[in-house]
Amino acid sequence: MPVRRVRFVVAARREFLAQVIHYNEEEPGLGARFTKAVEEATARALAFPFADSPATEDTRRVLLKDFPFAVVYRQDANGITVFALAHHARRPDYWQPRTRDR
C-alpha cells in the first residue's frame, strides 16, 4: 500500500509559514500551537478525506481547532493536496485559481 501524504502548494506553504511567524510574534509558543492545529487538521483530512465540508465542487475544507482558519484541500492518488490555509473572515475564495490544472 502506498504511503499517503500531505502536499502543500507553494502559496499554501507560504501562508502557513507567515501565520506561524505572526503568531510567534504575537505570543511566544503560539506559532507552535498553530502548527500543531494544522498538523491535526491535515491528519484528519488525510485519514477521512470526504468527511469535511465542501469548499468548492472538487475541494474540501477542514477547520483548525482554536484558530480562525481552514485547510482547503483535495484528495489525490497520493493523499491530499493543500491549496490554502484560509482565514474565515478574509478574502473568501481567493485561493480558487490555485486549484486549476492540478
PDB file of N, CA and C in Angstrom:
ATOM      1  N   MET A   1       0.841  -1.184   0.000  1.00  0.00           N
ATOM      2  CA  MET A   1       0.000   0.000   0.000  1.00  0.00           C
ATOM      3  C   MET A   1       0.887   1.249   0.000  1.00  0.00           C
ATOM      4  N   PRO A   2       0.645   2.189  -0.922  1.00  0.00           N
ATOM      5  CA  PRO A   2       1.492   3.378  -0.986  1.00  0.00           C
ATOM      6  C   PRO A   2       1.304   4.277   0.239  1.00  0.00           C
ATOM      7  N   VAL A   3       2.349   5.003   0.565  1.00  0.00           N
ATOM      8  CA  VAL A   3       2.296   5.941   1.677  1.00  0.00           C
ATOM      9  C   VAL A   3       1.454   7.141   1.257  1.00  0.00           C
ATOM     10  N   ARG A   4       0.476   7.474   2.073  1.00  0.00           N
ATOM     11  CA  ARG A   4      -0.354   8.642   1.789  1.00  0.00           C
ATOM     12  C   ARG A   4       0.298   9.849   2.442  1.00  0.00           C
ATOM     13  N   ARG A   5       0.274  10.964   1.720  1.00  0.00           N
ATOM     14  CA  ARG A   5       0.974  12.132   2.239  1.00  0.00           C
ATOM     15  C   ARG A   5       0.177  13.406   2.023  1.00  0.00           C
ATOM     16  N   VAL A   6       0.591  14.439   2.735  1.00  0.00           N
ATOM     17  CA  VAL A   6       0.024  15.776   2.603  1.00  0.00           C
ATOM     18  C   VAL A   6       1.029  16.615   1.831  1.00  0.00           C
ATOM     19  N   ARG A   7       0.556  17.218   0.735  1.00  0.00           N
ATOM     20  CA  ARG A   7       1.420  18.093  -0.063  1.00  0.00           C
ATOM     21  C   ARG A   7       0.796  19.479  -0.083  1.00  0.00           C
ATOM     22  N   PHE A   8       1.576  20.496   0.234  1.00  0.00           N
ATOM     23  CA  PHE A   8       1.132  21.887   0.182  1.00  0.00           C
ATOM     24  C   PHE A   8       1.595  22.499  -1.128  1.00  0.00           C
ATOM     25  N   VAL A   9       0.709  23.206  -1.845  1.00  0.00           N
ATOM     26  CA  VAL A   9       1.175  24.002  -2.972  1.00  0.00           C
ATOM     27  C   VAL A   9       2.022  25.131  -2.383  1.00  0.00           C
ATOM     28  N   VAL A  10       2.878  25.711  -3.185  1.00  0.00           N
ATOM     29  CA  VAL A  10       3.829  26.710  -2.686  1.00  0.00           C
ATOM     30  C   VAL A  10       3.122  27.861  -1.964  1.00  0.00           C
ATOM     31  N   ALA A  11       2.053  28.376  -2.540  1.00  0.00           N
ATOM     32  CA  ALA A  11       1.346  29.500  -1.925  1.00  0.00           C
ATOM     33  C   ALA A  11       0.761  29.125  -0.561  1.00  0.00           C
ATOM     34  N   ALA A  12       0.255  27.917  -0.426  1.00  0.00           N
ATOM     35  CA  ALA A  12      -0.294  27.471   0.860  1.00  0.00           C
ATOM     36  C   ALA A  12       0.813  27.310   1.896  1.00  0.00           C
ATOM     37  N   ARG A  13       1.957  26.811   1.475  1.00  0.00           N
ATOM     38  CA  ARG A  13       3.111  26.686   2.384  1.00  0.00           C
ATOM     39  C   ARG A  13       3.535  28.064   2.887  1.00  0.00           C
ATOM     40  N   ARG A  14       3.543  29.039   1.992  1.00  0.00           N
ATOM     41  CA  ARG A  14       3.894  30.413   2.388  1.00  0.00           C
ATOM     42  C   ARG A  14       2.882  30.972   3.392  1.00  0.00           C
ATOM     43  N   GLU A  15       1.602  30.727   3.146  1.00  0.00           N
ATOM     44  CA  GLU A  15       0.575  31.189   4.084  1.00  0.00           C
ATOM     45  C   GLU A  15       0.784  30.573   5.459  1.00  0.00           C
ATOM     46  N   PHE A  16       1.058  29.298   5.469  1.00  0.00           N
ATOM     47  CA  PHE A  16       1.289  28.596   6.728  1.00  0.00           C
ATOM     48  C   PHE A  16       2.474  29.206   7.484  1.00  0.00           C
ATOM     49  N   LEU A  17       3.595  29.360   6.808  1.00  0.00           N
ATOM     50  CA  LEU A  17       4.792  29.899   7.468  1.00  0.00           C
ATOM     51  C   LEU A  17       4.588  31.337   7.931  1.00  0.00           C
ATOM     52  N   ALA A  18       3.886  32.138   7.140  1.00  0.00           N
ATOM     53  CA  ALA A  18       3.612  33.522   7.533  1.00  0.00           C
ATOM     54  C   ALA A  18       2.772  33.569   8.810  1.00  0.00           C
ATOM     55  N   GLN A  19       1.805  32.668   8.929  1.00  0.00           N
ATOM     56  CA  GLN A  19       0.976  32.639  10.125  1.00  0.00           C
ATOM     57  C   GLN A  19       1.754  32.156  11.337  1.00  0.00           C
ATOM     58  N   VAL A  20       2.645  31.203  11.147  1.00  0.00           N
ATOM     59  CA  VAL A  20       3.483  30.743  12.263  1.00  0.00           C
ATOM     60  C   VAL A  20       4.307  31.918  12.786  1.00  0.00           C
ATOM     61  N   ILE A  21       4.926  32.673  11.878  1.00  0.00           N
ATOM     62  CA  ILE A  21       5.721  33.844  12.274  1.00  0.00           C
ATOM     63  C   ILE A  21       4.835  34.859  12.989  1.00  0.00           C
ATOM     64  N   HIS A  22       3.689  35.146  12.406  1.00  0.00           N
ATOM     65  CA  HIS A  22       2.764  36.123  13.009  1.00  0.00           C
ATOM     66  C   HIS A  22       2.375  35.710  14.425  1.00  0.00           C
ATOM     67  N   TYR A  23       1.964  34.466  14.593  1.00  0.00           N
ATOM     68  CA  TYR A  23       1.535  34.021  15.918  1.00  0.00           C
ATOM     69  C   TYR A  23       2.693  33.986  16.911  1.00  0.00           C
ATOM     70  N   ASN A  24       3.902  33.659  16.477  1.00  0.00           N
ATOM     71  CA  ASN A  24       5.049  33.683  17.384  1.00  0.00           C
ATOM     72  C   ASN A  24       5.392  35.097  17.819  1.00  0.00           C
ATOM     73  N   GLU A  25       5.195  36.065  16.922  1.00  0.00           N
ATOM     74  CA  GLU A  25       5.430  37.465  17.290  1.00  0.00           C
ATOM     75  C   GLU A  25       4.359  37.949  18.262  1.00  0.00           C
ATOM     76  N   GLU A  26       3.149  37.438  18.096  1.00  0.00           N
ATOM     77  CA  GLU A  26       2.040  37.812  18.971  1.00  0.00           C
ATOM     78  C   GLU A  26       2.252  37.289  20.387  1.00  0.00           C
ATOM     79  N   GLU A  27       2.676  36.034  20.468  1.00  0.00           N
ATOM     80  CA  GLU A  27       2.897  35.394  21.768  1.00  0.00           C
ATOM     81  C   GLU A  27       3.851  34.224  21.583  1.00  0.00           C
ATOM     82  N   PRO A  28       4.967  34.183  22.321  1.00  0.00           N
ATOM     83  CA  PRO A  28       5.891  33.057  22.192  1.00  0.00           C
ATOM     84  C   PRO A  28       5.174  31.724  22.426  1.00  0.00           C
ATOM     85  N   GLY A  29       5.409  30.773  21.515  1.00  0.00           N
ATOM     86  CA  GLY A  29       4.796  29.454  21.623  1.00  0.00           C
ATOM     87  C   GLY A  29       3.480  29.322  20.873  1.00  0.00           C
ATOM     88  N   LEU A  30       2.860  30.449  20.514  1.00  0.00           N
ATOM     89  CA  LEU A  30       1.579  30.384  19.814  1.00  0.00           C
ATOM     90  C   LEU A  30       1.754  29.833  18.400  1.00  0.00           C
ATOM     91  N   GLY A  31       2.884  30.111  17.781  1.00  0.00           N
ATOM     92  CA  GLY A  31       3.166  29.548  16.459  1.00  0.00           C
ATOM     93  C   GLY A  31       3.242  28.030  16.504  1.00  0.00           C
ATOM     94  N   ALA A  32       3.800  27.492  17.568  1.00  0.00           N
ATOM     95  CA  ALA A  32       3.870  26.038  17.725  1.00  0.00           C
ATOM     96  C   ALA A  32       2.472  25.445  17.908  1.00  0.00           C
ATOM     97  N   ARG A  33       1.615  26.137  18.647  1.00  0.00           N
ATOM     98  CA  ARG A  33       0.233  25.669  18.809  1.00  0.00           C
ATOM     99  C   ARG A  33      -0.509  25.711  17.477  1.00  0.00           C
ATOM    100  N   PHE A  34      -0.259  26.762  16.690  1.00  0.00           N
ATOM    101  CA  PHE A  34      -0.868  26.863  15.365  1.00  0.00           C
ATOM    102  C   PHE A  34      -0.385  25.720  14.476  1.00  0.00           C
ATOM    103  N   THR A  35       0.914  25.453  14.502  1.00  0.00           N
ATOM    104  CA  THR A  35       1.484  24.349  13.719  1.00  0.00           C
ATOM    105  C   THR A  35       0.829  23.030  14.092  1.00  0.00           C
ATOM    106  N   LYS A  36       0.663  22.793  15.383  1.00  0.00           N
ATOM    107  CA  LYS A  36       0.023  21.553  15.835  1.00  0.00           C
ATOM    108  C   LYS A  36      -1.416  21.478  15.335  1.00  0.00           C
ATOM    109  N   ALA A  37      -2.135  22.590  15.350  1.00  0.00           N
ATOM    110  CA  ALA A  37      -3.518  22.606  14.868  1.00  0.00           C
ATOM    111  C   ALA A  37      -3.572  22.282  13.374  1.00  0.00           C
ATOM    112  N   VAL A  38      -2.624  22.798  12.603  1.00  0.00           N
ATOM    113  CA  VAL A  38      -2.564  22.498  11.166  1.00  0.00           C
ATOM    114  C   VAL A  38      -2.236  21.029  10.957  1.00  0.00           C
ATOM    115  N   GLU A  39      -1.280  20.507  11.705  1.00  0.00           N
ATOM    116  CA  GLU A  39      -0.914  19.094  11.585  1.00  0.00           C
ATOM    117  C   GLU A  39      -2.094  18.183  11.922  1.00  0.00           C
ATOM    118  N   GLU A  40      -2.841  18.520  12.967  1.00  0.00           N
ATOM    119  CA  GLU A  40      -4.005  17.712  13.346  1.00  0.00           C
ATOM    120  C   GLU A  40      -5.088  17.778  12.268  1.00  0.00           C
ATOM    121  N   ALA A  41      -5.326  18.962  11.722  1.00  0.00           N
ATOM    122  CA  ALA A  41      -6.354  19.119  10.688  1.00  0.00           C
ATOM    123  C   ALA A  41      -5.982  18.354   9.422  1.00  0.00           C
ATOM    124  N   THR A  42      -4.718  18.447   9.010  1.00  0.00           N
ATOM    125  CA  THR A  42      -4.316  17.737   7.796  1.00  0.00           C
ATOM    126  C   THR A  42      -4.315  16.230   8.019  1.00  0.00           C
ATOM    127  N   ALA A  43      -3.997  15.784   9.222  1.00  0.00           N
ATOM    128  CA  ALA A  43      -4.059  14.346   9.524  1.00  0.00           C
ATOM    129  C   ALA A  43      -5.497  13.837   9.439  1.00  0.00           C
ATOM    130  N   ARG A  44      -6.447  14.629   9.947  1.00  0.00           N
ATOM    131  CA  ARG A  44      -7.865  14.247   9.841  1.00  0.00           C
ATOM    132  C   ARG A  44      -8.295  14.200   8.384  1.00  0.00           C
ATOM    133  N   ALA A  45      -7.873  15.209   7.609  1.00  0.00           N
ATOM    134  CA  ALA A  45      -8.244  15.252   6.187  1.00  0.00           C
ATOM    135  C   ALA A  45      -7.639  14.071   5.435  1.00  0.00           C
ATOM    136  N   LEU A  46      -6.432  13.699   5.769  1.00  0.00           N
ATOM    137  CA  LEU A  46      -5.769  12.572   5.119  1.00  0.00           C
ATOM    138  C   LEU A  46      -6.468  11.257   5.470  1.00  0.00           C
ATOM    139  N   ALA A  47      -6.841  11.105   6.717  1.00  0.00           N
ATOM    140  CA  ALA A  47      -7.493   9.870   7.168  1.00  0.00           C
ATOM    141  C   ALA A  47      -8.930   9.759   6.673  1.00  0.00           C
ATOM    142  N   PHE A  48      -9.631  10.889   6.603  1.00  0.00           N
ATOM    143  CA  PHE A  48     -11.042  10.905   6.222  1.00  0.00           C
ATOM    144  C   PHE A  48     -11.281  12.024   5.202  1.00  0.00           C
ATOM    145  N   PRO A  49     -10.807  11.858   3.984  1.00  0.00           N
ATOM    146  CA  PRO A  49     -10.815  12.968   3.020  1.00  0.00           C
ATOM    147  C   PRO A  49     -12.187  13.472   2.600  1.00  0.00           C
ATOM    148  N   PHE A  50     -13.229  12.696   2.791  1.00  0.00           N
ATOM    149  CA  PHE A  50     -14.560  13.144   2.396  1.00  0.00           C
ATOM    150  C   PHE A  50     -15.445  13.499   3.583  1.00  0.00           C
ATOM    151  N   ALA A  51     -14.888  13.536   4.779  1.00  0.00           N
ATOM    152  CA  ALA A  51     -15.669  13.826   5.974  1.00  0.00           C
ATOM    153  C   ALA A  51     -15.918  15.313   6.173  1.00  0.00           C
ATOM    154  N   ASP A  52     -15.094  16.150   5.571  1.00  0.00           N
ATOM    155  CA  ASP A  52     -15.194  17.584   5.793  1.00  0.00           C
ATOM    156  C   ASP A  52     -16.135  18.234   4.793  1.00  0.00           C
ATOM    157  N   SER A  53     -16.505  19.466   5.090  1.00  0.00           N
ATOM    158  CA  SER A  53     -17.474  20.155   4.241  1.00  0.00           C
ATOM    159  C   SER A  53     -16.841  20.605   2.927  1.00  0.00           C
ATOM    160  N   PRO A  54     -17.630  20.593   1.860  1.00  0.00           N
ATOM    161  CA  PRO A  54     -17.107  21.037   0.561  1.00  0.00           C
ATOM    162  C   PRO A  54     -16.762  22.527   0.591  1.00  0.00           C
ATOM    163  N   ALA A  55     -15.650  22.869  -0.059  1.00  0.00           N
ATOM    164  CA  ALA A  55     -15.287  24.273  -0.246  1.00  0.00           C
ATOM    165  C   ALA A  55     -15.733  24.706  -1.639  1.00  0.00           C
ATOM    166  N   THR A  56     -15.514  23.833  -2.616  1.00  0.00           N
ATOM    167  CA  THR A  56     -15.993  24.006  -3.983  1.00  0.00           C
ATOM    168  C   THR A  56     -16.451  22.636  -4.452  1.00  0.00           C
ATOM    169  N   GLU A  57     -16.738  22.522  -5.709  1.00  0.00           N
ATOM    170  CA  GLU A  57     -17.199  21.243  -6.259  1.00  0.00           C
ATOM    171  C   GLU A  57     -16.185  20.122  -6.050  1.00  0.00           C
ATOM    172  N   ASP A  58     -14.898  20.447  -6.109  1.00  0.00           N
ATOM    173  CA  ASP A  58     -13.878  19.396  -6.018  1.00  0.00           C
ATOM    174  C   ASP A  58     -12.847  19.613  -4.905  1.00  0.00           C
ATOM    175  N   THR A  59     -13.139  20.505  -3.967  1.00  0.00           N
ATOM    176  CA  THR A  59     -12.247  20.695  -2.815  1.00  0.00           C
ATOM    177  C   THR A  59     -13.070  20.629  -1.535  1.00  0.00           C
ATOM    178  N   ARG A  60     -12.358  20.430  -0.443  1.00  0.00           N
ATOM    179  CA  ARG A  60     -12.998  20.381   0.870  1.00  0.00           C
ATOM    180  C   ARG A  60     -12.215  21.270   1.817  1.00  0.00           C
ATOM    181  N   ARG A  61     -12.832  21.558   2.957  1.00  0.00           N
ATOM    182  CA  ARG A  61     -12.141  22.353   3.974  1.00  0.00           C
ATOM    183  C   ARG A  61     -12.321  21.705   5.337  1.00  0.00           C
ATOM    184  N   VAL A  62     -11.232  21.707   6.093  1.00  0.00           N
ATOM    185  CA  VAL A  62     -11.267  21.209   7.466  1.00  0.00           C
ATOM    186  C   VAL A  62     -10.857  22.379   8.361  1.00  0.00           C
ATOM    187  N   LEU A  63     -11.632  22.593   9.413  1.00  0.00           N
ATOM    188  CA  LEU A  63     -11.393  23.716  10.313  1.00  0.00           C
ATOM    189  C   LEU A  63     -10.285  23.391  11.305  1.00  0.00           C
ATOM    190  N   LEU A  64      -9.508  24.419  11.629  1.00  0.00           N
ATOM    191  CA  LEU A  64      -8.476  24.271  12.649  1.00  0.00           C
ATOM    192  C   LEU A  64      -9.096  24.462  14.026  1.00  0.00           C
ATOM    193  N   LYS A  65      -8.608  23.702  14.976  1.00  0.00           N
ATOM    194  CA  LYS A  65      -9.051  23.846  16.358  1.00  0.00           C
ATOM    195  C   LYS A  65      -8.374  25.080  16.953  1.00  0.00           C
ATOM    196  N   ASP A  66      -9.158  25.955  17.564  1.00  0.00           N
ATOM    197  CA  ASP A  66      -8.684  27.138  18.301  1.00  0.00           C
ATOM    198  C   ASP A  66      -8.142  28.278  17.438  1.00  0.00           C
ATOM    199  N   PHE A  67      -8.204  28.176  16.125  1.00  0.00           N
ATOM    200  CA  PHE A  67      -7.729  29.244  15.246  1.00  0.00           C
ATOM    201  C   PHE A  67      -8.755  29.473  14.142  1.00  0.00           C
ATOM    202  N   PRO A  68      -8.899  30.728  13.677  1.00  0.00           N
ATOM    203  CA  PRO A  68      -9.932  31.035  12.673  1.00  0.00           C
ATOM    204  C   PRO A  68      -9.489  30.738  11.237  1.00  0.00           C
ATOM    205  N   PHE A  69      -9.026  29.529  11.004  1.00  0.00           N
ATOM    206  CA  PHE A  69      -8.523  29.124   9.690  1.00  0.00           C
ATOM    207  C   PHE A  69      -9.107  27.778   9.287  1.00  0.00           C
ATOM    208  N   ALA A  70      -9.099  27.551   7.979  1.00  0.00           N
ATOM    209  CA  ALA A  70      -9.467  26.253   7.429  1.00  0.00           C
ATOM    210  C   ALA A  70      -8.381  25.818   6.460  1.00  0.00           C
ATOM    211  N   VAL A  71      -8.119  24.535   6.433  1.00  0.00           N
ATOM    212  CA  VAL A  71      -7.224  23.947   5.437  1.00  0.00           C
ATOM    213  C   VAL A  71      -8.113  23.547   4.256  1.00  0.00           C
ATOM    214  N   VAL A  72      -7.820  24.105   3.088  1.00  0.00           N
ATOM    215  CA  VAL A  72      -8.572  23.801   1.871  1.00  0.00           C
ATOM    216  C   VAL A  72      -7.751  22.790   1.079  1.00  0.00           C
ATOM    217  N   TYR A  73      -8.351  21.641   0.743  1.00  0.00           N
ATOM    218  CA  TYR A  73      -7.593  20.553   0.139  1.00  0.00           C
ATOM    219  C   TYR A  73      -8.428  19.779  -0.866  1.00  0.00           C
ATOM    220  N   ARG A  74      -7.737  18.918  -1.582  1.00  0.00           N
ATOM    221  CA  ARG A  74      -8.378  17.964  -2.498  1.00  0.00           C
ATOM    222  C   ARG A  74      -7.651  16.634  -2.350  1.00  0.00           C
ATOM    223  N   GLN A  75      -8.417  15.560  -2.343  1.00  0.00           N
ATOM    224  CA  GLN A  75      -7.816  14.238  -2.325  1.00  0.00           C
ATOM    225  C   GLN A  75      -7.212  13.958  -3.696  1.00  0.00           C
ATOM    226  N   ASP A  76      -6.067  13.278  -3.702  1.00  0.00           N
ATOM    227  CA  ASP A  76      -5.465  12.830  -4.958  1.00  0.00           C
ATOM    228  C   ASP A  76      -4.939  11.413  -4.759  1.00  0.00           C
ATOM    229  N   ALA A  77      -4.298  10.872  -5.759  1.00  0.00           N
ATOM    230  CA  ALA A  77      -3.844   9.476  -5.718  1.00  0.00           C
ATOM    231  C   ALA A  77      -2.836   9.215  -4.602  1.00  0.00           C
ATOM    232  N   ASN A  78      -2.094  10.247  -4.177  1.00  0.00           N
ATOM    233  CA  ASN A  78      -1.046  10.067  -3.170  1.00  0.00           C
ATOM    234  C   ASN A  78      -1.434  10.518  -1.774  1.00  0.00           C
ATOM    235  N   GLY A  79      -2.607  11.086  -1.623  1.00  0.00           N
ATOM    236  CA  GLY A  79      -3.033  11.604  -0.323  1.00  0.00           C
ATOM    237  C   GLY A  79      -3.916  12.807  -0.516  1.00  0.00           C
ATOM    238  N   ILE A  80      -3.461  13.971   0.000  1.00  0.00           N
ATOM    239  CA  ILE A  80      -4.202  15.211  -0.211  1.00  0.00           C
ATOM    240  C   ILE A  80      -3.240  16.314  -0.643  1.00  0.00           C
ATOM    241  N   THR A  81      -3.768  17.252  -1.404  1.00  0.00           N
ATOM    242  CA  THR A  81      -3.039  18.461  -1.778  1.00  0.00           C
ATOM    243  C   THR A  81      -3.730  19.630  -1.102  1.00  0.00           C
ATOM    244  N   VAL A  82      -2.955  20.419  -0.363  1.00  0.00           N
ATOM    245  CA  VAL A  82      -3.477  21.589   0.340  1.00  0.00           C
ATOM    246  C   VAL A  82      -3.273  22.809  -0.548  1.00  0.00           C
ATOM    247  N   PHE A  83      -4.377  23.529  -0.810  1.00  0.00           N
ATOM    248  CA  PHE A  83      -4.329  24.703  -1.663  1.00  0.00           C
ATOM    249  C   PHE A  83      -4.291  26.006  -0.884  1.00  0.00           C
ATOM    250  N   ALA A  84      -4.762  25.986   0.344  1.00  0.00           N
ATOM    251  CA  ALA A  84      -4.781  27.235   1.118  1.00  0.00           C
ATOM    252  C   ALA A  84      -4.937  26.958   2.599  1.00  0.00           C
ATOM    253  N   LEU A  85      -4.448  27.897   3.362  1.00  0.00           N
ATOM    254  CA  LEU A  85      -4.718  27.990   4.780  1.00  0.00           C
ATOM    255  C   LEU A  85      -5.519  29.273   4.899  1.00  0.00           C
ATOM    256  N   ALA A  86      -6.824  29.166   4.756  1.00  0.00           N
ATOM    257  CA  ALA A  86      -7.699  30.320   4.568  1.00  0.00           C
ATOM    258  C   ALA A  86      -8.324  30.792   5.874  1.00  0.00           C
ATOM    259  N   HIS A  87      -8.197  32.078   6.134  1.00  0.00           N
ATOM    260  CA  HIS A  87      -8.830  32.704   7.296  1.00  0.00           C
ATOM    261  C   HIS A  87     -10.338  32.750   7.059  1.00  0.00           C
ATOM    262  N   HIS A  88     -11.107  32.552   8.104  1.00  0.00           N
ATOM    263  CA  HIS A  88     -12.563  32.506   7.982  1.00  0.00           C
ATOM    264  C   HIS A  88     -13.172  33.825   7.511  1.00  0.00           C
ATOM    265  N   ALA A  89     -12.545  34.941   7.848  1.00  0.00           N
ATOM    266  CA  ALA A  89     -13.172  36.242   7.581  1.00  0.00           C
ATOM    267  C   ALA A  89     -12.416  37.107   6.572  1.00  0.00           C
ATOM    268  N   ARG A  90     -11.433  36.550   5.897  1.00  0.00           N
ATOM    269  CA  ARG A  90     -10.654  37.347   4.948  1.00  0.00           C
ATOM    270  C   ARG A  90     -10.725  36.766   3.553  1.00  0.00           C
ATOM    271  N   ARG A  91     -10.868  37.600   2.570  1.00  0.00           N
ATOM    272  CA  ARG A  91     -10.784  37.262   1.149  1.00  0.00           C
ATOM    273  C   ARG A  91     -11.367  35.896   0.795  1.00  0.00           C
ATOM    274  N   PRO A  92     -12.656  35.735   0.854  1.00  0.00           N
ATOM    275  CA  PRO A  92     -13.226  34.420   0.535  1.00  0.00           C
ATOM    276  C   PRO A  92     -12.888  33.975  -0.883  1.00  0.00           C
ATOM    277  N   ASP A  93     -12.548  32.739  -1.010  1.00  0.00           N
ATOM    278  CA  ASP A  93     -12.311  32.082  -2.301  1.00  0.00           C
ATOM    279  C   ASP A  93     -11.130  32.622  -3.104  1.00  0.00           C
ATOM    280  N   TYR A  94     -10.242  33.411  -2.504  1.00  0.00           N
ATOM    281  CA  TYR A  94      -9.066  33.935  -3.199  1.00  0.00           C
ATOM    282  C   TYR A  94      -8.178  32.823  -3.744  1.00  0.00           C
ATOM    283  N   TRP A  95      -8.243  31.669  -3.137  1.00  0.00           N
ATOM    284  CA  TRP A  95      -7.354  30.547  -3.435  1.00  0.00           C
ATOM    285  C   TRP A  95      -7.823  29.707  -4.616  1.00  0.00           C
ATOM    286  N   GLN A  96      -9.029  29.914  -5.102  1.00  0.00           N
ATOM    287  CA  GLN A  96      -9.577  29.037  -6.132  1.00  0.00           C
ATOM    288  C   GLN A  96      -8.709  28.924  -7.394  1.00  0.00           C
ATOM    289  N   PRO A  97      -8.068  29.991  -7.872  1.00  0.00           N
ATOM    290  CA  PRO A  97      -7.203  29.806  -9.056  1.00  0.00           C
ATOM    291  C   PRO A  97      -6.069  28.794  -8.827  1.00  0.00           C
ATOM    292  N   ARG A  98      -5.680  28.569  -7.604  1.00  0.00           N
ATOM    293  CA  ARG A  98      -4.607  27.604  -7.313  1.00  0.00           C
ATOM    294  C   ARG A  98      -5.016  26.166  -7.621  1.00  0.00           C
ATOM    295  N   THR A  99      -6.304  25.900  -7.658  1.00  0.00           N
ATOM    296  CA  THR A  99      -6.780  24.521  -7.844  1.00  0.00           C
ATOM    297  C   THR A  99      -6.860  24.109  -9.304  1.00  0.00           C
ATOM    298  N   ARG A 100      -6.753  25.032 -10.191  1.00  0.00           N
ATOM    299  CA  ARG A 100      -6.897  24.714 -11.613  1.00  0.00           C
ATOM    300  C   ARG A 100      -5.677  23.955 -12.113  1.00  0.00           C
ATOM    301  N   ASP A 101      -5.928  22.972 -12.942  1.00  0.00           N
ATOM    302  CA  ASP A 101      -4.866  22.180 -13.583  1.00  0.00           C
ATOM    303  C   ASP A 101      -3.977  21.460 -12.589  1.00  0.00           C
ATOM    304  N   ARG A 102      -4.530  21.021 -11.476  1.00  0.00           N
ATOM    305  CA  ARG A 102      -3.742  20.234 -10.518  1.00  0.00           C
ATOM    306  C   ARG A 102      -4.430  18.931 -10.265  1.00  0.00           C
TER     307      ARG A 102
END
